[in-house]
Amino acid sequence: MNIQNCKKILIVGDAGKGKSTLARNLSQRLGIKHFELDDLFWLKKYSLRRTNEEHIKLVSDLLNKESSWVIEGSTRHMVALCFDSADCIINLSFKNIFHQWYQIIKRNIQDKRSLKETFLFCVQVFKKRYGIGNSKGKKTVKEMIMPYTDKVIELDSWKEIDSLI
């Protein structure tokens, strides 16, 4: 698949995988607007979330309004709304959780989040990755994108991300 031909690009993957960085780079390179689902998820960033109904309306409005986009996110019910509309789905699925934690810790230090908040986020990422706790029984992103394999690009390293850009 040639990324140059895509006008609607969805980037999925867990926290700390490089979704935002890749989305910004592709947006600049292709001249397509970039949207972060986190901006639609939170009413007040990381402290006050919108309702699921609000998420669905905001994402649906975005998909109906924009003719081209790079959307990135990891919230399952929100990315699921984008699968059908996307020309290309990029799944970032790094194998090493320690690298993922490193990226999360680095970003949380930059954002001046507390050690407790950072630790709890790393625990949440672990549980989501291994289907424990609230994630138990829920489909993984990999399972969710299976019906769309003809338009999925799997990237599992920074080297692969760099080569795509």
Foldseek 3Di string as FASTA:
>chain_A
DQPLPWFAEEEEEDAQLCLVVLQVVSCVVNVAAEEELQVQQAPPRPPHGDDPVSSVVVLVVVLVPDPGYYYYDYDVVNVLVCLVVGQAYEYADAPDLVSSLVSLVVVCVVVVHDPVVSVVVSVVRVCCVVQHDPSPPPDHVVRSCVVVVVRYDYDHDVVSSVVSD
